[in-house]
Amino acid sequence: MFNEYKSRRLDGWNYGRYGYYFVTIKVRRGSFDLGRIIEGEMKLNQYGEWVKKCWVELERHFEIVEIDEFNVLPDHVHGILFIKNLDDVIGTGNVNVGARHTLHLHLPVVINNHNYEKLPVIIGSFKSAASKLIHQSGWLNFKWQRSYHDHIIRDEKSLERIRHYIRYNAVKHGSVGCERRS
């Protein structure tokens, strides 16, 4: 039969709702080329630097986004995004809260309270922009995995635990066989 794609999103959750989201975005299987973990620290290569740049620029391109803790690792990105309450953003007088793709600021997307896809639009824009820069830099076969993992952060204790996990994830990966300098 047909392979049906099963959404990893939480049934019934409004992904347009403001709050904290922990996101993991993986590079397609088998690729560890965003950098290397050396002595417990992530050393980004040019591709990893492009990924970091696109992540950091999300705040500039989506007024509803605040970036919290994040880390680019050899084959994936962990990050916490805070999606602001749209009523607070509209109070600034600017309702153009993003670009469909982060490289194209001249194509604004107005995200309103009826848009239940804020997080997927933001992540899709990030993946598209990072892919484009990486392809232009010479890695023509670079691809992200089709989807991403998200976790809705519902309390301060969970937020602090996830921040700690992101901060020390490189050390964890370094201890399980990623390339290390002798």
Protein backbone atom coordinates (compact mmCIF):
# COMPACT_ATOMS: atom_id res chain seq x y z
CA MET A 1 0.00 0.00 0.00
CA PHE A 2 0.92 3.66 0.19
CA ASN A 3 3.25 4.93 2.88
CA GLU A 4 1.20 7.53 4.69
CA TYR A 5 3.01 10.41 6.30
CA LYS A 6 2.08 10.66 9.96
CA SER A 7 2.33 14.13 11.43
CA ARG A 8 4.46 14.46 14.53
CA ARG A 9 2.48 17.47 15.70
CA LEU A 10 0.37 17.15 18.84
CA ASP A 11 -3.24 16.54 17.87
CA GLY A 12 -5.46 19.44 18.78
CA TRP A 13 -2.61 21.81 19.67
CA ASN A 14 -2.74 25.26 18.10
CA TYR A 15 0.80 25.84 16.82
CA GLY A 16 -0.13 29.48 16.43
CA ARG A 17 -0.37 29.75 20.21
CA TYR A 18 2.28 31.79 21.94
CA GLY A 19 4.75 30.02 24.19
CA TYR A 20 8.06 28.18 24.27
CA TYR A 21 8.83 25.40 21.78
CA PHE A 22 11.84 23.07 21.84
CA VAL A 23 12.74 22.08 18.29
CA THR A 24 15.16 19.52 16.88
CA ILE A 25 15.92 19.65 13.17
CA LYS A 26 18.04 16.85 11.71
CA VAL A 27 20.23 16.69 8.65
CA ARG A 28 19.26 13.84 6.34
CA ARG A 29 20.55 10.44 7.46
CA GLY A 30 24.26 9.76 7.57
CA SER A 31 25.59 13.29 7.31
CA PHE A 32 27.79 14.79 10.02
CA ASP A 33 29.03 17.78 8.11
CA LEU A 34 27.96 20.91 10.03
CA GLY A 35 31.15 20.66 12.07
CA ARG A 36 32.90 18.43 14.57
CA ILE A 37 32.90 18.03 18.32
CA ILE A 38 36.45 18.49 19.55
CA GLU A 39 37.28 18.22 23.25
CA GLY A 40 33.61 18.54 24.16
CA GLU A 41 33.03 21.70 22.09
CA MET A 42 31.25 22.06 18.80
CA LYS A 43 33.49 23.53 16.10
CA LEU A 44 31.29 24.67 13.22
CA ASN A 45 32.53 24.52 9.65
CA GLN A 46 31.26 26.95 6.97
CA TYR A 47 28.00 24.98 6.59
CA GLY A 48 27.39 24.96 10.33
CA GLU A 49 28.08 28.70 10.38
CA TRP A 50 25.40 29.22 7.71
CA VAL A 51 22.94 27.20 9.78
CA LYS A 52 23.77 29.24 12.90
CA LYS A 53 23.41 32.50 10.96
CA CYS A 54 19.97 31.53 9.65
CA TRP A 55 18.81 30.47 13.12
CA VAL A 56 19.98 33.73 14.72
CA GLU A 57 18.31 35.77 11.99
CA LEU A 58 14.88 34.25 12.67
CA GLU A 59 14.22 37.05 15.19
CA ARG A 60 14.92 39.65 12.52
CA HIS A 61 12.63 38.05 9.99
CA PHE A 62 9.80 37.01 12.30
CA GLU A 63 8.85 39.69 14.78
CA ILE A 64 6.83 37.13 16.73
CA VAL A 65 9.95 35.03 17.47
CA GLU A 66 12.44 35.29 20.31
CA ILE A 67 15.39 32.93 20.20
CA ASP A 68 16.31 31.25 23.44
CA GLU A 69 19.00 28.59 23.91
CA PHE A 70 20.20 26.79 20.75
CA ASN A 71 23.06 24.64 19.55
CA VAL A 72 24.18 23.49 16.11
CA LEU A 73 25.67 19.97 16.26
CA PRO A 74 27.28 17.82 13.54
CA ASP A 75 24.00 16.43 12.24
CA HIS A 76 21.22 18.42 13.89
CA VAL A 77 20.10 21.67 15.49
CA HIS A 78 18.47 22.02 18.91
CA GLY A 79 16.73 25.27 19.71
CA ILE A 80 14.13 26.88 21.90
CA LEU A 81 11.89 29.43 20.24
CA PHE A 82 9.45 31.66 22.05
CA ILE A 83 6.48 32.65 19.92
CA LYS A 84 5.13 35.95 21.19
CA ASN A 85 1.51 36.82 21.70
CA LEU A 86 0.42 38.43 18.43
CA ASP A 87 -1.52 41.13 20.31
CA ASP A 88 1.81 42.32 21.77
CA VAL A 89 3.42 42.39 18.32
CA ILE A 90 0.54 44.29 16.70
CA GLY A 91 0.95 46.89 19.43
CA THR A 92 4.31 47.77 17.87
CA GLY A 93 2.53 48.99 14.74
CA ASN A 94 4.09 46.33 12.51
CA VAL A 95 1.94 43.36 11.57
CA ASN A 96 4.34 42.00 8.95
CA VAL A 97 5.94 39.45 11.22
CA GLY A 98 8.03 37.42 8.85
CA ALA A 99 9.30 36.51 5.48
CA ARG A 100 8.20 33.34 3.75
CA HIS A 101 11.89 32.48 3.36
CA THR A 102 14.41 34.21 5.56
CA LEU A 103 16.54 35.24 2.60
CA HIS A 104 13.70 37.11 0.94
CA LEU A 105 12.66 40.02 3.13
CA HIS A 106 10.70 41.55 0.26
CA LEU A 107 8.09 38.76 0.53
CA PRO A 108 6.36 39.45 3.86
CA VAL A 109 3.99 37.00 5.45
CA VAL A 110 1.36 38.42 7.74
CA ILE A 111 0.68 35.90 10.47
CA ASN A 112 -2.57 36.56 12.27
CA ASN A 113 -4.45 34.99 15.14
CA HIS A 114 -6.23 32.66 12.72
CA ASN A 115 -2.97 31.15 11.48
CA TYR A 116 -2.39 27.85 13.26
CA GLU A 117 0.86 27.20 11.45
CA LYS A 118 3.28 29.75 12.93
CA LEU A 119 5.87 27.22 14.11
CA PRO A 120 5.86 25.16 10.88
CA VAL A 121 6.18 28.36 8.79
CA ILE A 122 9.12 29.53 10.89
CA ILE A 123 10.91 26.17 10.75
CA GLY A 124 10.20 25.79 7.03
CA SER A 125 11.65 29.23 6.38
CA PHE A 126 14.77 28.41 8.41
CA LYS A 127 15.33 25.10 6.62
CA SER A 128 14.84 26.69 3.21
CA ALA A 129 17.20 29.60 3.87
CA ALA A 130 19.92 27.41 5.40
CA SER A 131 19.67 24.91 2.54
CA LYS A 132 19.97 27.65 -0.05
CA LEU A 133 23.11 29.10 1.56
CA ILE A 134 24.68 25.66 1.97
CA HIS A 135 23.94 24.76 -1.65
CA GLN A 136 25.44 28.05 -2.81
CA SER A 137 28.54 27.26 -0.73
CA GLY A 138 29.11 24.04 -2.63
CA TRP A 139 27.38 21.23 -0.72
CA LEU A 140 24.81 20.48 -3.42
CA ASN A 141 23.51 17.24 -1.86
CA PHE A 142 22.70 18.77 1.53
CA LYS A 143 19.19 18.02 2.76
CA TRP A 144 17.28 18.28 6.00
CA GLN A 145 15.09 15.43 7.14
CA ARG A 146 11.52 15.92 6.01
CA SER A 147 10.06 17.04 9.31
CA TYR A 148 11.32 18.14 12.70
CA HIS A 149 10.66 17.22 16.30
CA ASP A 150 8.98 19.71 18.57
CA HIS A 151 8.13 19.73 22.24
CA ILE A 152 5.77 22.26 23.77
CA ILE A 153 7.41 23.64 26.92
CA ARG A 154 4.72 24.14 29.52
CA ASP A 155 6.52 25.21 32.69
CA GLU A 156 9.69 26.85 34.00
CA LYS A 157 11.18 23.61 35.32
CA SER A 158 10.91 21.99 31.88
CA LEU A 159 12.33 25.12 30.22
CA GLU A 160 15.41 25.06 32.49
CA ARG A 161 15.92 21.31 32.00
CA ILE A 162 15.80 21.69 28.21
CA ARG A 163 18.14 24.70 28.28
CA HIS A 164 20.64 22.58 30.23
CA TYR A 165 20.25 19.71 27.76
CA ILE A 166 20.94 22.00 24.79
CA ARG A 167 23.97 23.61 26.47
CA TYR A 168 25.64 20.29 27.28
CA ASN A 169 24.52 18.21 24.30
CA ALA A 170 27.89 18.59 22.52
CA VAL A 171 29.65 17.03 25.49
CA LYS A 172 27.17 14.15 25.43
CA HIS A 173 27.74 13.61 21.72
CA GLY A 174 31.48 13.87 22.17
CA SER A 175 31.35 11.00 24.63
CA VAL A 176 29.61 8.65 22.20
CA GLY A 177 32.08 8.53 19.36
CA CYS A 178 32.03 11.82 17.48
CA GLU A 179 35.43 12.85 16.19
CA ARG A 180 37.68 14.14 18.95
CA ARG A 181 41.17 15.64 18.78
CA SER A 182 43.77 13.55 20.67
